[in-house]
Protein backbone atom coordinates (compact mmCIF):
# COMPACT_ATOMS: atom_id res chain seq x y z
CA GLU A 1 102.50 -206.06 59.83
CA ILE A 2 102.62 -203.67 56.86
CA ALA A 3 105.63 -205.43 55.35
CA GLY A 4 103.78 -208.74 55.70
CA LEU A 5 100.73 -207.42 53.86
CA LEU A 6 102.59 -206.11 50.83
CA ASP A 7 103.70 -208.19 47.87
CA LEU A 8 107.34 -207.09 47.62
CA ARG A 9 108.35 -209.33 44.71
CA GLY A 10 110.01 -207.17 42.09
CA VAL A 11 110.48 -204.23 44.45
CA ARG A 12 114.04 -203.00 43.97
CA ARG A 13 113.89 -199.39 45.15
CA ILE A 14 111.83 -197.93 47.99
CA LEU A 15 111.38 -194.28 48.98
CA ASP A 16 110.32 -193.74 52.60
CA VAL A 17 109.08 -190.14 52.88
CA GLY A 18 109.30 -188.76 56.42
CA ALA A 19 111.17 -191.91 57.40
CA GLY A 20 111.94 -191.06 61.03
CA PRO A 21 114.19 -193.76 62.52
CA GLY A 22 113.74 -196.02 59.48
CA THR A 23 111.73 -198.71 61.25
CA TYR A 24 109.30 -199.28 58.38
CA SER A 25 112.04 -199.35 55.73
CA VAL A 26 114.06 -201.92 57.68
CA ALA A 27 110.96 -204.13 58.01
CA LEU A 28 110.33 -203.85 54.26
CA LEU A 29 113.97 -204.64 53.46
CA GLN A 30 113.88 -207.72 55.70
CA ARG A 31 111.10 -209.07 53.48
CA ALA A 32 112.65 -207.85 50.21
CA PRO A 33 116.33 -208.86 50.20
CA GLN A 34 116.69 -207.61 46.61
CA ALA A 35 115.64 -204.05 47.55
CA ARG A 36 117.33 -200.83 48.64
CA ALA A 37 115.61 -197.97 50.43
CA THR A 38 116.07 -194.21 50.42
CA LEU A 39 114.98 -192.62 53.69
CA LEU A 40 113.95 -188.97 53.31
CA ASP A 41 113.69 -186.77 56.39
CA LEU A 42 114.97 -183.60 57.99
CA PRO A 43 118.71 -183.44 58.76
CA GLY A 44 118.16 -183.42 62.54
CA THR A 45 115.95 -186.49 62.35
CA LEU A 46 118.46 -188.31 60.15
CA LYS A 47 121.11 -187.94 62.88
CA ILE A 48 118.94 -190.22 65.02
CA THR A 49 118.15 -192.43 62.02
CA ARG A 50 121.88 -193.07 61.49
CA GLU A 51 122.24 -194.18 65.12
CA VAL A 52 119.23 -196.48 64.93
CA LEU A 53 120.31 -197.98 61.60
CA ALA A 54 123.81 -198.66 62.93
CA ARG A 55 122.23 -201.20 65.29
CA ARG A 56 119.88 -202.81 62.73
CA GLY A 57 122.27 -205.06 60.78
CA GLU A 58 122.22 -206.06 57.14
CA PRO A 59 118.94 -204.46 55.96
CA ALA A 60 120.13 -201.09 57.30
CA ARG A 61 123.21 -201.33 55.08
CA ARG A 62 120.87 -201.26 52.08
CA THR A 63 119.60 -197.80 52.97
CA SER A 64 120.66 -194.34 51.91
CA LEU A 65 119.63 -191.14 53.63
CA MET A 66 118.24 -188.06 51.87
CA ALA A 67 118.24 -184.93 54.03
CA ALA A 68 115.29 -182.81 52.91
CA ASP A 69 111.98 -181.30 53.94
CA TYR A 70 109.39 -183.46 52.18
CA ARG A 71 107.25 -180.36 51.60
CA ARG A 72 109.93 -178.93 49.30
CA ALA A 73 111.87 -181.99 48.12
CA ARG A 74 111.70 -183.41 44.65
CA PHE A 75 111.36 -187.18 44.75
CA GLY A 76 112.63 -187.70 41.20
CA GLU A 77 110.96 -189.35 38.22
CA SER A 78 110.37 -193.05 37.61
CA LEU A 79 112.97 -194.11 40.18
CA TYR A 80 111.08 -196.23 42.70
CA ASP A 81 108.92 -199.32 42.87
CA LEU A 82 107.34 -198.37 46.19
CA VAL A 83 106.83 -195.01 47.91
CA LEU A 84 105.82 -195.05 51.59
CA LEU A 85 104.09 -192.12 53.29
CA SER A 86 103.73 -193.32 56.87
CA HIS A 87 102.22 -191.11 59.54
CA ILE A 88 102.97 -187.85 57.78
CA THR A 89 99.68 -186.99 56.10
CA HIS A 90 98.01 -186.21 59.45
CA ASP A 91 100.56 -183.41 59.92
CA GLU A 92 99.52 -181.67 56.70
CA GLY A 93 96.52 -180.05 55.09
CA PRO A 94 94.87 -181.33 51.91
CA LYS A 95 96.97 -179.21 49.51
CA VAL A 96 100.29 -180.47 50.86
CA ASN A 97 99.01 -184.07 50.88
CA GLN A 98 97.81 -183.78 47.29
CA ARG A 99 101.25 -182.44 46.30
CA LEU A 100 102.98 -185.33 48.15
CA ILE A 101 100.80 -187.87 46.36
CA ALA A 102 101.50 -186.23 42.99
CA GLN A 103 105.24 -186.26 43.76
CA ALA A 104 105.02 -189.94 44.67
CA HIS A 105 103.22 -190.67 41.38
CA ARG A 106 106.02 -189.01 39.39
CA ALA A 107 108.70 -190.82 41.44
CA LEU A 108 107.23 -194.27 40.80
CA ARG A 109 108.00 -196.47 37.85
CA PRO A 110 104.97 -197.75 35.90
CA GLY A 111 103.37 -200.46 38.03
CA GLY A 112 104.95 -199.07 41.19
CA ARG A 113 102.86 -198.60 44.30
CA ILE A 114 102.23 -195.92 46.87
CA VAL A 115 101.51 -196.96 50.45
CA ILE A 116 99.82 -194.39 52.68
CA HIS A 117 99.79 -195.37 56.35
CA ASP A 118 97.99 -193.27 58.94
CA PHE A 119 95.12 -193.02 61.36
CA MET A 120 91.87 -192.61 59.45
CA VAL A 121 88.28 -191.76 60.24
CA ASP A 122 85.02 -192.84 58.65
CA GLU A 123 82.86 -190.51 56.58
CA THR A 124 81.16 -189.14 59.72
CA ARG A 125 84.63 -188.20 61.06
CA THR A 126 83.58 -189.53 64.47
CA GLU A 127 84.83 -193.13 64.28
CA PRO A 128 87.04 -194.73 65.26
CA VAL A 129 87.19 -192.66 68.43
CA PHE A 130 91.00 -192.57 68.54
CA GLY A 131 91.19 -191.29 64.95
CA ALA A 132 88.59 -188.60 65.66
CA LEU A 133 90.34 -187.45 68.84
CA PHE A 134 93.72 -187.55 67.12
CA SER A 135 92.27 -185.32 64.40
CA VAL A 136 91.30 -182.72 67.02
CA HIS A 137 94.84 -182.92 68.41
CA MET A 138 96.35 -182.38 64.96
CA LEU A 139 94.03 -179.45 64.27
CA ALA A 140 95.29 -177.81 67.48
CA TYR A 141 98.95 -178.86 67.15
CA THR A 142 99.69 -178.26 63.44
CA GLU A 143 98.96 -175.56 60.88
CA ALA A 144 96.46 -177.61 58.90
CA GLY A 145 96.83 -181.27 59.86
CA ARG A 146 94.04 -183.69 60.75
CA THR A 147 93.00 -187.25 60.06
CA TYR A 148 91.39 -188.05 56.73
CA THR A 149 88.87 -190.49 55.35
CA ALA A 150 89.66 -193.26 52.89
CA GLY A 151 87.41 -191.41 50.44
CA GLU A 152 89.61 -188.32 50.62
CA TYR A 153 92.78 -190.34 50.04
CA ASN A 154 91.17 -192.27 47.18
CA ALA A 155 90.06 -189.04 45.48
CA TRP A 156 93.58 -187.59 45.73
CA LEU A 157 95.09 -190.81 44.39
CA LYS A 158 92.72 -191.01 41.43
CA ALA A 159 93.18 -187.31 40.60
CA VAL A 160 96.87 -187.89 39.74
CA GLY A 161 96.39 -191.22 37.99
CA PHE A 162 96.76 -193.91 40.64
CA LYS A 163 94.55 -196.94 40.16
CA SER A 164 93.18 -199.89 42.11
CA PRO A 165 93.38 -198.40 45.63
CA SER A 166 92.86 -200.93 48.41
CA GLN A 167 92.53 -200.35 52.13
CA HIS A 168 93.86 -202.61 54.91
CA PRO A 169 93.58 -202.29 58.70
CA ILE A 170 96.80 -202.25 60.74
CA ALA A 171 96.95 -203.28 64.41
CA ARG A 172 93.20 -203.77 64.31
CA ALA A 173 92.96 -205.11 67.88
CA THR A 174 94.46 -201.98 69.42
CA ARG A 175 92.70 -198.81 70.51
CA ASN A 176 94.81 -196.76 68.10
CA ALA A 177 94.51 -198.93 65.00
CA SER A 178 95.62 -197.40 61.72
CA GLU A 179 95.07 -198.17 58.04
CA ILE A 180 97.08 -198.43 54.87
CA ILE A 181 95.89 -197.53 51.42
CA VAL A 182 97.86 -199.06 48.55
CA ALA A 183 97.47 -197.88 44.97
CA GLU A 184 99.29 -198.58 41.72
CA ARG A 185 100.79 -196.14 39.23
């Protein structure tokens, strides 16, 4: 669904931060045959990623793996057309998320886009119910993680120079719907 929402014309290089098994990158590459993706994750996770990608065919052959902890990794400068942060911001506190967004900004070429995908809550932090309950889980399970509002993400994006943020629901009909926020460098 995310790959279908994004305009991938002109996207040549993608960075998937906290890529897990590479599912999102493969979906993006299926829609962008001109693109290549770098999947960044911990070495142990990338062992599984390699196995999953081995079964995914042609798009998976356009991937490279970067073993790193995204909290400490340098993403590079002006290398990518799209940076994806999918389901990692809920694991982190505001300071780490602001640093990730700043890193993504530096890593993008002018006109490149960041895509943040996660569960979100409204300004009351009580709706949707799944997002609010998931936030409580993250507060108990992680050092500083929780779910965030679109307003928080938008403020972080604007603070480092992103422009034109837009928000889109994902899997809207499900009880655990998520959102993406897309912004341009």
